[in-house]
């Protein structure tokens, strides 16, 4: 068990549902989730940068509309699977894609 899995009083919150948690525990859970989201964005950015390097080596264009369409479709399906607003998820992925493209262009 890591320190992230404990509340400040040392009790384990990982096996508790939100309805059983107090406000402070819920906020700590949000903090943990937010940190994980940022970590995943960093990982995704690293992989996107690697893709950009491969594209640069092979003389491929920065933009691949077919691939972007597939990413957006997958994002929508994942949103539905987890009962999250697909438009929100797609907007987030559109932003991530656009930021990656800007980064790729600036590094060429």
N, C-alpha and C. Protein backbone atom coordinates (compact mmCIF):
# COMPACT_ATOMS: atom_id res chain seq x y z
N UNK A 1 0.84 -1.18 0.00
CA UNK A 1 0.00 0.00 0.00
C UNK A 1 0.88 1.23 0.00
N UNK A 2 0.55 2.21 -0.86
CA UNK A 2 1.34 3.43 -0.93
C UNK A 2 0.70 4.50 -0.07
N UNK A 3 1.46 5.57 0.13
CA UNK A 3 0.93 6.70 0.91
C UNK A 3 -0.29 7.30 0.22
N UNK A 4 -0.34 7.21 -1.12
CA UNK A 4 -1.47 7.76 -1.86
C UNK A 4 -2.77 7.03 -1.55
N UNK A 5 -2.68 5.79 -1.10
CA UNK A 5 -3.87 5.01 -0.83
C UNK A 5 -4.42 5.23 0.56
N UNK A 6 -3.77 6.01 1.35
CA UNK A 6 -4.19 6.26 2.71
C UNK A 6 -4.73 7.67 2.87
N UNK A 7 -5.65 7.83 3.77
CA UNK A 7 -6.09 9.17 4.13
C UNK A 7 -5.09 9.70 5.14
N UNK A 8 -5.26 10.95 5.53
CA UNK A 8 -4.32 11.54 6.49
C UNK A 8 -4.36 10.84 7.83
N UNK A 9 -5.46 10.14 8.14
CA UNK A 9 -5.53 9.43 9.42
C UNK A 9 -5.04 7.99 9.31
N UNK A 10 -4.53 7.62 8.12
CA UNK A 10 -3.96 6.30 7.94
C UNK A 10 -4.95 5.24 7.49
N UNK A 11 -6.22 5.57 7.39
CA UNK A 11 -7.20 4.57 6.96
C UNK A 11 -7.15 4.40 5.45
N UNK A 12 -7.39 3.21 5.00
CA UNK A 12 -7.34 2.87 3.58
C UNK A 12 -8.63 3.33 2.91
N UNK A 13 -8.52 4.10 1.80
CA UNK A 13 -9.72 4.56 1.08
C UNK A 13 -9.89 3.84 -0.25
N UNK A 14 -8.94 2.96 -0.63
CA UNK A 14 -9.01 2.36 -1.95
C UNK A 14 -10.16 1.38 -2.11
N UNK A 15 -10.66 0.79 -1.01
CA UNK A 15 -11.74 -0.16 -1.10
C UNK A 15 -13.10 0.46 -0.77
N UNK A 16 -13.13 1.76 -0.61
CA UNK A 16 -14.38 2.42 -0.24
C UNK A 16 -14.98 3.11 -1.45
N UNK A 17 -16.28 3.08 -1.53
CA UNK A 17 -16.98 3.79 -2.60
C UNK A 17 -17.15 5.24 -2.18
N UNK A 18 -17.24 6.15 -3.16
CA UNK A 18 -17.35 7.57 -2.81
C UNK A 18 -18.45 7.89 -1.79
N UNK A 19 -19.56 7.17 -1.86
CA UNK A 19 -20.66 7.44 -0.94
C UNK A 19 -20.27 7.22 0.52
N UNK A 20 -19.23 6.42 0.75
CA UNK A 20 -18.78 6.12 2.11
C UNK A 20 -17.65 7.03 2.57
N UNK A 21 -17.21 7.95 1.71
CA UNK A 21 -16.07 8.80 2.02
C UNK A 21 -16.53 10.18 2.45
N UNK A 22 -15.74 10.80 3.33
CA UNK A 22 -16.07 12.17 3.73
C UNK A 22 -15.48 13.15 2.71
N UNK A 23 -15.77 14.42 2.86
CA UNK A 23 -15.37 15.44 1.89
C UNK A 23 -13.85 15.47 1.72
N UNK A 24 -13.11 15.42 2.79
CA UNK A 24 -11.64 15.46 2.70
C UNK A 24 -11.11 14.25 1.94
N UNK A 25 -11.66 13.08 2.21
CA UNK A 25 -11.23 11.87 1.51
C UNK A 25 -11.56 11.96 0.02
N UNK A 26 -12.72 12.50 -0.29
CA UNK A 26 -13.10 12.67 -1.69
C UNK A 26 -12.16 13.63 -2.40
N UNK A 27 -11.79 14.71 -1.74
CA UNK A 27 -10.86 15.68 -2.33
C UNK A 27 -9.48 15.05 -2.54
N UNK A 28 -9.06 14.23 -1.61
CA UNK A 28 -7.79 13.53 -1.76
C UNK A 28 -7.84 12.57 -2.94
N UNK A 29 -8.99 11.92 -3.11
CA UNK A 29 -9.17 11.02 -4.24
C UNK A 29 -9.08 11.78 -5.56
N UNK A 30 -9.71 12.95 -5.62
CA UNK A 30 -9.63 13.81 -6.81
C UNK A 30 -8.17 14.21 -7.08
N UNK A 31 -7.44 14.57 -6.04
CA UNK A 31 -6.03 14.95 -6.21
C UNK A 31 -5.23 13.79 -6.80
N UNK A 32 -5.48 12.59 -6.34
CA UNK A 32 -4.78 11.41 -6.85
C UNK A 32 -5.13 11.19 -8.32
N UNK A 33 -6.41 11.29 -8.64
CA UNK A 33 -6.86 11.11 -10.02
C UNK A 33 -6.26 12.18 -10.92
N UNK A 34 -6.25 13.43 -10.45
CA UNK A 34 -5.68 14.52 -11.24
C UNK A 34 -4.21 14.27 -11.54
N UNK A 35 -3.46 13.81 -10.55
CA UNK A 35 -2.05 13.50 -10.74
C UNK A 35 -1.89 12.38 -11.78
N UNK A 36 -2.75 11.38 -11.71
CA UNK A 36 -2.69 10.28 -12.67
C UNK A 36 -3.02 10.75 -14.08
N UNK A 37 -3.98 11.65 -14.21
CA UNK A 37 -4.32 12.21 -15.52
C UNK A 37 -3.12 12.93 -16.11
N UNK A 38 -2.46 13.75 -15.29
CA UNK A 38 -1.29 14.50 -15.77
C UNK A 38 -0.18 13.53 -16.17
N UNK A 39 0.01 12.48 -15.38
CA UNK A 39 1.03 11.48 -15.72
C UNK A 39 0.71 10.82 -17.06
N UNK A 40 -0.54 10.49 -17.30
CA UNK A 40 -0.93 9.88 -18.57
C UNK A 40 -0.77 10.86 -19.74
N UNK A 41 -1.07 12.12 -19.52
CA UNK A 41 -0.85 13.13 -20.56
C UNK A 41 0.64 13.22 -20.89
N UNK A 42 1.48 13.19 -19.86
CA UNK A 42 2.93 13.23 -20.08
C UNK A 42 3.39 12.02 -20.88
N UNK A 43 2.87 10.85 -20.55
CA UNK A 43 3.23 9.63 -21.28
C UNK A 43 2.77 9.72 -22.74
N UNK A 44 1.55 10.20 -22.92
CA UNK A 44 1.01 10.33 -24.28
C UNK A 44 1.84 11.32 -25.09
N UNK A 45 2.22 12.43 -24.47
CA UNK A 45 3.03 13.45 -25.13
C UNK A 45 4.39 12.88 -25.53
N UNK A 46 5.00 12.10 -24.65
CA UNK A 46 6.28 11.47 -24.95
C UNK A 46 6.16 10.56 -26.18
N UNK A 47 5.12 9.75 -26.22
CA UNK A 47 4.93 8.85 -27.36
C UNK A 47 4.65 9.66 -28.62
N UNK A 48 3.85 10.71 -28.51
CA UNK A 48 3.57 11.57 -29.67
C UNK A 48 4.84 12.23 -30.17
N UNK A 49 5.72 12.65 -29.26
CA UNK A 49 7.00 13.23 -29.67
C UNK A 49 7.85 12.20 -30.40
N UNK A 50 7.81 10.97 -29.95
CA UNK A 50 8.55 9.89 -30.60
C UNK A 50 7.99 9.64 -32.00
N UNK A 51 6.67 9.66 -32.11
CA UNK A 51 6.03 9.52 -33.43
C UNK A 51 6.47 10.66 -34.34
N UNK A 52 6.53 11.86 -33.80
CA UNK A 52 6.96 13.01 -34.59
C UNK A 52 8.39 12.82 -35.09
N UNK A 53 9.26 12.28 -34.25
CA UNK A 53 10.64 12.03 -34.66
C UNK A 53 10.69 11.01 -35.80
N UNK A 54 9.89 9.96 -35.69
CA UNK A 54 9.84 8.95 -36.75
C UNK A 54 9.31 9.56 -38.04
N UNK A 55 8.26 10.37 -37.93
CA UNK A 55 7.71 11.05 -39.11
C UNK A 55 8.77 11.93 -39.75
N UNK A 56 9.52 12.65 -38.91
CA UNK A 56 10.57 13.53 -39.43
C UNK A 56 11.64 12.75 -40.17
N UNK A 57 12.06 11.62 -39.61
CA UNK A 57 13.09 10.78 -40.23
C UNK A 57 12.62 10.22 -41.57
N UNK A 58 11.32 9.92 -41.64
CA UNK A 58 10.78 9.30 -42.86
C UNK A 58 10.20 10.33 -43.83
N UNK A 59 10.27 11.61 -43.45
CA UNK A 59 9.75 12.66 -44.32
C UNK A 59 8.24 12.65 -44.44
N UNK A 60 7.57 12.14 -43.42
CA UNK A 60 6.10 12.08 -43.44
C UNK A 60 5.52 13.40 -42.94
N UNK A 61 4.31 13.73 -43.39
CA UNK A 61 3.68 14.97 -42.93
C UNK A 61 3.29 14.89 -41.44
N UNK A 62 3.24 16.05 -40.82
CA UNK A 62 2.85 16.13 -39.41
C UNK A 62 1.44 15.63 -39.20
N UNK A 63 0.53 16.03 -40.08
CA UNK A 63 -0.88 15.71 -39.93
C UNK A 63 -1.23 14.42 -40.67
N UNK A 64 -1.94 13.55 -39.97
CA UNK A 64 -2.46 12.31 -40.55
C UNK A 64 -3.95 12.27 -40.20
N UNK A 65 -4.75 12.81 -41.10
CA UNK A 65 -6.18 12.96 -40.82
C UNK A 65 -6.88 11.63 -40.55
N UNK A 66 -6.47 10.58 -41.26
CA UNK A 66 -7.08 9.27 -41.04
C UNK A 66 -6.79 8.80 -39.61
N UNK A 67 -5.57 8.95 -39.16
CA UNK A 67 -5.21 8.54 -37.81
C UNK A 67 -5.95 9.39 -36.77
N UNK A 68 -6.04 10.69 -37.02
CA UNK A 68 -6.77 11.56 -36.10
C UNK A 68 -8.23 11.15 -35.99
N UNK A 69 -8.83 10.79 -37.11
CA UNK A 69 -10.22 10.34 -37.12
C UNK A 69 -10.37 9.06 -36.29
N UNK A 70 -9.41 8.16 -36.42
CA UNK A 70 -9.46 6.92 -35.65
C UNK A 70 -9.33 7.20 -34.15
N UNK A 71 -8.46 8.13 -33.80
CA UNK A 71 -8.29 8.50 -32.38
C UNK A 71 -9.59 9.07 -31.83
N UNK A 72 -10.25 9.92 -32.62
CA UNK A 72 -11.49 10.54 -32.16
C UNK A 72 -12.61 9.50 -32.02
N UNK A 73 -12.69 8.57 -32.97
CA UNK A 73 -13.70 7.51 -32.89
C UNK A 73 -13.46 6.65 -31.66
N UNK A 74 -12.19 6.32 -31.42
CA UNK A 74 -11.84 5.50 -30.25
C UNK A 74 -12.16 6.25 -28.96
N UNK A 75 -11.90 7.55 -28.94
CA UNK A 75 -12.21 8.35 -27.75
C UNK A 75 -13.71 8.34 -27.48
N UNK A 76 -14.51 8.45 -28.53
CA UNK A 76 -15.95 8.40 -28.37
C UNK A 76 -16.44 7.06 -27.84
N UNK A 77 -15.88 5.98 -28.37
CA UNK A 77 -16.26 4.64 -27.90
C UNK A 77 -15.86 4.45 -26.43
N UNK A 78 -14.65 4.90 -26.09
CA UNK A 78 -14.21 4.78 -24.70
C UNK A 78 -15.09 5.60 -23.77
N UNK A 79 -15.49 6.77 -24.21
CA UNK A 79 -16.38 7.61 -23.39
C UNK A 79 -17.69 6.89 -23.13
N UNK A 80 -18.26 6.31 -24.17
CA UNK A 80 -19.52 5.58 -24.01
C UNK A 80 -19.35 4.39 -23.07
N UNK A 81 -18.23 3.70 -23.19
CA UNK A 81 -17.99 2.53 -22.34
C UNK A 81 -17.98 2.92 -20.86
N UNK A 82 -17.45 4.10 -20.57
CA UNK A 82 -17.36 4.55 -19.18
C UNK A 82 -18.45 5.54 -18.80
N UNK A 83 -19.46 5.67 -19.66
CA UNK A 83 -20.60 6.54 -19.40
C UNK A 83 -20.18 7.98 -19.11
N UNK A 84 -19.29 8.48 -19.98
CA UNK A 84 -18.81 9.86 -19.89
C UNK A 84 -19.27 10.57 -21.15
N UNK A 85 -19.53 11.85 -21.05
CA UNK A 85 -19.98 12.65 -22.19
C UNK A 85 -18.96 12.55 -23.33
N UNK A 86 -19.36 11.97 -24.44
CA UNK A 86 -18.46 11.76 -25.59
C UNK A 86 -17.97 13.08 -26.15
N UNK A 87 -18.81 14.10 -26.16
CA UNK A 87 -18.38 15.40 -26.68
C UNK A 87 -17.26 16.00 -25.84
N UNK A 88 -17.36 15.84 -24.53
CA UNK A 88 -16.31 16.33 -23.64
C UNK A 88 -15.00 15.58 -23.89
N UNK A 89 -15.07 14.27 -23.96
CA UNK A 89 -13.87 13.45 -24.17
C UNK A 89 -13.25 13.79 -25.52
N UNK A 90 -14.06 13.91 -26.55
CA UNK A 90 -13.54 14.24 -27.88
C UNK A 90 -12.90 15.63 -27.88
N UNK A 91 -13.47 16.57 -27.16
CA UNK A 91 -12.88 17.91 -27.08
C UNK A 91 -11.51 17.85 -26.43
N UNK A 92 -11.37 17.06 -25.40
CA UNK A 92 -10.08 16.91 -24.72
C UNK A 92 -9.06 16.28 -25.68
N UNK A 93 -9.48 15.25 -26.39
CA UNK A 93 -8.56 14.60 -27.32
C UNK A 93 -8.22 15.51 -28.49
N UNK A 94 -9.18 16.30 -28.95
CA UNK A 94 -8.89 17.25 -30.03
C UNK A 94 -7.82 18.24 -29.56
N UNK A 95 -7.93 18.70 -28.32
CA UNK A 95 -6.93 19.62 -27.77
C UNK A 95 -5.56 18.94 -27.69
N UNK A 96 -5.52 17.71 -27.20
CA UNK A 96 -4.26 16.98 -27.11
C UNK A 96 -3.63 16.81 -28.49
N UNK A 97 -4.43 16.45 -29.47
CA UNK A 97 -3.93 16.27 -30.83
C UNK A 97 -3.38 17.58 -31.37
N UNK A 98 -4.12 18.65 -31.21
CA UNK A 98 -3.68 19.95 -31.73
C UNK A 98 -2.39 20.40 -31.05
N UNK A 99 -2.28 20.21 -29.74
CA UNK A 99 -1.06 20.57 -29.03
C UNK A 99 0.12 19.74 -29.52
N UNK A 100 -0.11 18.45 -29.77
CA UNK A 100 0.96 17.60 -30.30
C UNK A 100 1.40 18.06 -31.68
N UNK A 101 0.44 18.46 -32.52
CA UNK A 101 0.79 18.93 -33.87
C UNK A 101 1.59 20.22 -33.81
N UNK A 102 1.21 21.12 -32.93
CA UNK A 102 1.96 22.38 -32.77
C UNK A 102 3.39 22.06 -32.33
N UNK A 103 3.53 21.16 -31.40
CA UNK A 103 4.86 20.76 -30.91
C UNK A 103 5.67 20.11 -32.04
N UNK A 104 5.02 19.25 -32.82
CA UNK A 104 5.72 18.59 -33.92
C UNK A 104 6.20 19.60 -34.95
N UNK A 105 5.36 20.55 -35.28
CA UNK A 105 5.74 21.57 -36.28
C UNK A 105 6.89 22.44 -35.79
N UNK A 106 6.86 22.76 -34.51
CA UNK A 106 7.91 23.65 -33.97
C UNK A 106 9.26 22.93 -33.89
N UNK A 107 9.24 21.60 -33.83
CA UNK A 107 10.48 20.84 -33.74
C UNK A 107 11.05 20.44 -35.09
N UNK A 108 10.37 20.78 -36.16
CA UNK A 108 10.85 20.41 -37.51
C UNK A 108 11.77 21.46 -38.05
